[in-house]
């Protein structure tokens, strides 16, 4: 089994393999994962880390394993006042991918109903999810329970 104890936010060499992981699965410290080629990889990091799309795990042999965001069920949010909609999403501590002309959030029927009540157009999509990181330099946002 391969072992990776180092994570970099950007590749330094051509990756030897890749991991395709959901947003939730990209938040880990120690876990055995299967690479795209089927190899088993023990990720054993010093601390819990948010793995970014485009980052790499470095094996003890020095090979880089690329991290890719997997397609997952999301809501695409558009509307005439996107900044206001983004404020309401952020006020609920929902991870949010901000793009020109739309927001992407995880599917949640309560948040969807709120956004539609505020005039948003919301549709279900399946895409990679790479939300904004936390405001204090951390890779994740957290609810009030952190």
Protein backbone atom coordinates (compact mmCIF):
# COMPACT_ATOMS: atom_id res chain seq x y z
CA UNK A 1 0.00 0.00 0.00
CA UNK A 2 1.22 3.52 -0.82
CA UNK A 3 1.53 6.05 2.02
CA UNK A 4 1.30 9.84 1.76
CA UNK A 5 2.25 12.09 4.67
CA UNK A 6 2.78 15.35 2.77
CA UNK A 7 0.26 17.58 1.00
CA UNK A 8 1.02 20.48 -1.36
CA UNK A 9 -1.55 22.87 -2.83
CA UNK A 10 0.08 22.64 -6.29
CA UNK A 11 1.81 19.88 -8.24
CA UNK A 12 5.58 20.04 -8.69
CA UNK A 13 5.82 17.15 -11.15
CA UNK A 14 3.59 15.08 -13.42
CA UNK A 15 1.25 13.15 -11.12
CA UNK A 16 1.71 9.39 -10.90
CA UNK A 17 -2.00 8.86 -10.21
CA UNK A 18 -5.06 10.79 -9.05
CA UNK A 19 -7.75 10.80 -6.41
CA UNK A 20 -11.26 11.95 -7.31
CA UNK A 21 -12.99 13.01 -4.09
CA UNK A 22 -16.13 14.84 -3.03
CA UNK A 23 -15.94 18.04 -0.99
CA UNK A 24 -16.60 16.12 2.24
CA UNK A 25 -14.05 13.41 1.37
CA UNK A 26 -11.37 16.06 0.73
CA UNK A 27 -11.33 16.94 4.45
CA UNK A 28 -9.21 14.36 6.26
CA UNK A 29 -6.20 13.51 8.36
CA UNK A 30 -5.83 9.75 8.18
CA UNK A 31 -7.71 7.49 5.80
CA UNK A 32 -7.17 4.72 3.24
CA UNK A 33 -8.35 5.81 -0.21
CA UNK A 34 -8.45 4.19 -3.65
CA UNK A 35 -6.74 6.08 -6.48
CA UNK A 36 -8.19 6.28 -9.99
CA UNK A 37 -5.94 3.37 -11.03
CA UNK A 38 -7.22 1.27 -8.11
CA UNK A 39 -4.13 1.51 -5.90
CA UNK A 40 -4.65 1.77 -2.16
CA UNK A 41 -3.26 4.94 -0.59
CA UNK A 42 -2.94 5.54 3.15
CA UNK A 43 -3.18 9.27 3.74
CA UNK A 44 -1.49 9.96 7.10
CA UNK A 45 -1.18 13.73 7.52
CA UNK A 46 0.04 15.51 10.67
CA UNK A 47 -3.26 17.37 11.03
CA UNK A 48 -6.72 17.42 9.51
CA UNK A 49 -6.41 19.13 6.14
CA UNK A 50 -8.75 20.40 3.45
CA UNK A 51 -7.40 19.02 0.16
CA UNK A 52 -7.93 21.46 -2.69
CA UNK A 53 -8.78 20.54 -6.27
CA UNK A 54 -5.40 20.72 -8.02
CA UNK A 55 -3.39 19.86 -4.91
CA UNK A 56 -1.21 16.77 -4.55
CA UNK A 57 -0.42 14.19 -1.92
CA UNK A 58 3.22 13.12 -1.94
CA UNK A 59 3.94 9.44 -1.27
CA UNK A 60 6.86 8.30 0.87
CA UNK A 61 8.50 7.28 -2.44
CA UNK A 62 8.18 10.88 -3.72
CA UNK A 63 5.38 10.32 -6.25
CA UNK A 64 2.66 12.94 -6.48
CA UNK A 65 -1.00 11.90 -6.44
CA UNK A 66 -3.26 14.61 -7.89
CA UNK A 67 -6.41 15.61 -6.00
CA UNK A 68 -9.50 16.27 -8.14
CA UNK A 69 -12.94 17.44 -7.09
CA UNK A 70 -15.59 14.84 -7.92
CA UNK A 71 -18.93 15.74 -9.46
CA UNK A 72 -21.59 15.80 -6.76
CA UNK A 73 -25.22 16.88 -6.38
CA UNK A 74 -25.40 20.67 -6.03
CA UNK A 75 -27.73 23.61 -6.45
CA UNK A 76 -26.95 26.29 -9.02
CA UNK A 77 -28.26 29.63 -7.79
CA UNK A 78 -28.81 32.64 -10.05
CA UNK A 79 -30.81 35.81 -9.73
CA UNK A 80 -30.84 39.55 -10.28
CA UNK A 81 -29.27 40.34 -6.87
CA UNK A 82 -26.59 37.66 -6.53
CA UNK A 83 -24.67 39.57 -3.83
CA UNK A 84 -27.77 39.58 -1.60
CA UNK A 85 -28.32 35.86 -2.22
CA UNK A 86 -24.66 35.15 -1.41
CA UNK A 87 -25.03 37.08 1.85
CA UNK A 88 -27.98 34.89 2.88
CA UNK A 89 -26.06 31.70 1.98
CA UNK A 90 -23.05 32.89 3.99
CA UNK A 91 -25.24 33.92 6.90
CA UNK A 92 -26.32 30.26 7.12
CA UNK A 93 -22.63 29.13 7.07
CA UNK A 94 -23.18 27.09 3.90
CA UNK A 95 -20.09 26.30 1.83
CA UNK A 96 -20.46 28.23 -1.42
CA UNK A 97 -18.62 28.26 -4.72
CA UNK A 98 -18.83 31.80 -6.10
CA UNK A 99 -18.69 32.22 -9.87
CA UNK A 100 -19.48 35.04 -12.24
CA UNK A 101 -23.26 34.97 -12.52
CA UNK A 102 -24.02 32.10 -10.16
CA UNK A 103 -23.46 30.42 -6.82
CA UNK A 104 -23.04 26.68 -6.27
CA UNK A 105 -24.10 25.17 -2.95
CA UNK A 106 -24.74 21.70 -1.61
CA UNK A 107 -28.30 20.48 -2.02
CA UNK A 108 -30.46 21.43 0.94
CA UNK A 109 -34.24 21.75 0.63
CA UNK A 110 -34.51 24.36 3.40
CA UNK A 111 -31.83 26.64 1.90
CA UNK A 112 -33.36 26.13 -1.54
CA UNK A 113 -36.81 27.22 -0.31
CA UNK A 114 -35.30 30.28 1.38
CA UNK A 115 -33.43 31.29 -1.79
CA UNK A 116 -36.48 30.81 -4.00
CA UNK A 117 -38.52 32.95 -1.58
CA UNK A 118 -35.85 35.64 -2.03
CA UNK A 119 -36.32 35.51 -5.83
CA UNK A 120 -33.48 33.17 -6.80
CA UNK A 121 -33.66 30.74 -9.68
CA UNK A 122 -32.40 27.42 -8.33
CA UNK A 123 -31.71 24.28 -10.32
CA UNK A 124 -30.15 20.94 -9.49
CA UNK A 125 -26.79 20.16 -11.11
CA UNK A 126 -24.03 17.58 -10.72
CA UNK A 127 -20.59 19.22 -10.87
CA UNK A 128 -17.28 19.37 -9.01
CA UNK A 129 -17.59 21.51 -5.86
CA UNK A 130 -14.76 23.83 -4.86
CA UNK A 131 -16.26 26.36 -2.42
CA UNK A 132 -14.50 29.40 -1.01
CA UNK A 133 -12.29 28.74 2.01
CA UNK A 134 -12.71 30.31 5.41
CA UNK A 135 -12.05 33.99 5.98
CA UNK A 136 -9.20 33.34 8.43
CA UNK A 137 -6.92 31.35 6.15
CA UNK A 138 -8.48 27.95 6.82
CA UNK A 139 -9.62 25.74 3.97
CA UNK A 140 -13.11 25.21 5.32
CA UNK A 141 -16.02 27.14 6.66
CA UNK A 142 -17.71 25.73 9.71
CA UNK A 143 -21.12 26.07 11.30
CA UNK A 144 -21.68 27.32 14.81
CA UNK A 145 -20.90 23.88 16.29
CA UNK A 146 -17.12 23.95 15.53
